[in-house]
Protein backbone atom coordinates (compact mmCIF):
# COMPACT_ATOMS: atom_id res chain seq x y z
CA MET A 1 195.20 87.86 180.48
CA ARG A 2 193.14 90.38 178.50
CA TYR A 3 192.42 93.90 179.67
CA THR A 4 190.00 96.63 178.69
CA PRO A 5 189.87 100.35 179.51
CA SER A 6 187.62 101.18 182.46
CA LYS A 7 184.31 102.81 181.63
CA TYR A 8 184.98 105.17 184.55
CA ASN A 9 188.03 106.82 182.93
CA VAL A 10 187.99 110.54 182.17
CA TRP A 11 190.69 111.68 179.74
CA ILE A 12 192.35 115.08 179.30
CA HIS A 13 194.39 115.08 176.11
CA ASN A 14 197.55 117.05 175.34
CA TYR A 15 198.23 117.80 178.97
CA PRO A 16 200.64 118.59 180.55
CA LYS A 17 202.33 118.73 177.15
CA SER A 18 201.35 117.95 173.58
CA GLY A 19 200.71 114.24 173.07
CA ASP A 20 200.55 113.37 176.78
CA SER A 21 197.29 112.57 178.55
CA LEU A 22 195.91 112.74 182.05
CA VAL A 23 193.48 109.99 182.96
CA TYR A 24 191.30 110.08 186.07
CA ASN A 25 189.46 106.94 187.10
CA THR A 26 186.33 108.08 188.92
CA LEU A 27 185.67 104.70 190.53
CA GLN A 28 189.14 104.29 192.04
CA ARG A 29 189.74 108.07 192.34
CA SER A 30 193.16 107.68 190.76
CA LEU A 31 195.01 110.08 188.48
CA LEU A 32 197.81 109.16 186.08
CA CYS A 33 199.84 111.15 183.58
CA LEU A 34 200.51 109.01 180.53
CA PRO A 35 203.17 109.62 177.88
CA ALA A 36 202.32 110.20 174.23
CA GLY A 37 201.00 107.13 172.42
CA LEU A 38 199.90 105.18 175.47
CA LYS A 39 196.30 106.44 175.30
CA LYS A 40 196.05 105.18 171.72
CA ALA A 41 197.43 101.77 172.70
CA ILE A 42 194.93 101.55 175.58
CA SER A 43 192.03 102.54 173.34
CA LYS A 44 193.01 99.88 170.79
CA ARG A 45 193.53 97.36 173.62
CA ASP A 46 197.05 96.82 172.29
CA ILE A 47 199.13 96.69 175.44
CA SER A 48 201.71 94.19 174.23
CA GLU A 49 204.40 96.91 174.10
CA VAL A 50 203.47 98.51 177.45
CA PRO A 51 206.29 98.15 180.01
CA GLU A 52 205.51 95.92 182.99
CA ALA A 53 205.77 98.77 185.53
CA THR A 54 203.36 100.90 183.49
CA LEU A 55 200.92 98.01 183.12
CA THR A 56 201.02 97.47 186.89
CA ALA A 57 200.22 101.17 187.44
CA LEU A 58 197.35 101.05 184.92
CA LEU A 59 195.87 97.99 186.62
CA SER A 60 196.28 99.18 190.20
CA SER A 61 194.62 102.50 189.35
CA ASN A 62 191.81 100.70 187.45
CA VAL A 63 192.55 102.58 184.22
CA LEU A 64 192.71 99.05 182.79
CA VAL A 65 190.53 96.25 184.14
CA GLU A 66 190.38 92.57 183.37
CA THR A 67 188.02 91.82 180.51
CA GLY A 68 184.78 90.45 181.93
CA ILE A 69 184.81 92.53 185.13
CA ASP A 70 181.36 94.05 185.65
CA GLU A 71 182.33 97.55 186.77
CA GLU A 72 178.73 98.61 187.30
CA LYS A 73 178.30 95.72 189.72
CA VAL A 74 181.51 96.76 191.51
CA PHE A 75 180.20 100.33 191.77
CA LYS A 76 176.77 99.24 193.03
CA ASN A 77 178.44 97.01 195.61
CA TRP A 78 180.60 99.92 196.81
CA LEU A 79 177.61 102.25 196.90
CA GLY A 80 175.59 99.75 198.93
CA ARG A 81 178.39 99.34 201.48
CA TYR A 82 179.00 103.10 201.63
CA SER A 83 175.34 103.99 202.14
CA LEU A 84 175.05 101.52 205.04
CA ASP A 85 178.32 102.56 206.69
CA THR A 86 177.50 104.16 210.03
CA GLN A 87 181.17 104.59 210.96
CA THR A 88 181.63 107.54 208.61
CA LEU A 89 180.03 110.95 208.94
CA GLY A 90 180.12 113.33 206.00
CA LEU A 91 180.20 117.01 206.89
CA THR A 92 180.29 120.07 204.67
CA LEU A 93 181.17 123.43 206.17
CA ILE A 94 180.07 126.49 204.28
CA THR A 95 182.47 129.02 205.70
CA THR A 96 181.01 131.95 203.80
CA TYR A 97 178.17 132.80 201.44
CA ALA A 98 180.51 135.27 199.73
CA CYS A 99 181.75 132.80 197.12
CA ASN A 100 182.35 134.47 193.78
CA CYS A 101 182.63 131.35 191.58
CA ARG A 102 179.07 131.80 190.22
CA CYS A 103 178.52 128.10 189.52
CA VAL A 104 175.24 127.59 187.65
CA TYR A 105 174.19 124.75 189.96
CA CYS A 106 174.93 126.55 193.24
CA TYR A 107 172.12 126.98 195.76
CA GLU A 108 173.87 129.43 198.10
CA ASP A 109 172.29 132.55 196.58
CA GLY A 110 168.88 131.11 197.45
CA VAL A 111 169.89 130.53 201.07
CA ARG A 112 170.70 134.15 201.83
CA LYS A 113 167.85 136.37 202.96
CA PRO A 114 167.40 139.71 201.15
CA GLY A 115 169.30 142.48 202.93
CA GLU A 116 171.35 140.02 205.00
CA THR A 117 174.98 140.98 205.42
CA VAL A 118 177.65 138.49 204.46
CA SER A 119 180.11 137.52 207.15
CA VAL A 120 183.03 135.14 207.09
CA MET A 121 183.40 132.31 209.61
CA SER A 122 186.38 132.95 211.85
CA PRO A 123 189.38 130.59 211.77
CA GLU A 124 188.75 129.78 215.44
CA THR A 125 185.22 128.57 214.67
CA ILE A 126 186.47 126.46 211.77
CA LYS A 127 189.06 124.88 214.07
CA LYS A 128 186.33 124.00 216.60
CA PHE A 129 184.32 122.15 213.92
CA SER A 130 187.29 120.40 212.35
CA SER A 131 188.85 119.03 215.51
């Protein structure tokens, strides 16, 4: 069987040490730390020397996929099922407007009214929402 790297892989090179790589598959939401040299073998599609256990991990995490798999179709199928799922409720709690991360895309500064004091949600209130 022939395999190809997933188009949904995000690589961080030379981490946690020189030569190693972290790979995150955004479709499967899986994270693997790969030893030096394995990233190059995956990129060249030369997995003949990859140990069986490592190959199993690469396949189960979707870092490698079978050649011919239409990953965009898989993603669109997942997205269609997810958007129609009424069994799941997504909830975001903004526990404070006092975030100091200063992300360029953040909208929280625009939510606060001028002169409004910033208060922090109490742990008891958070517990009420999360239970």
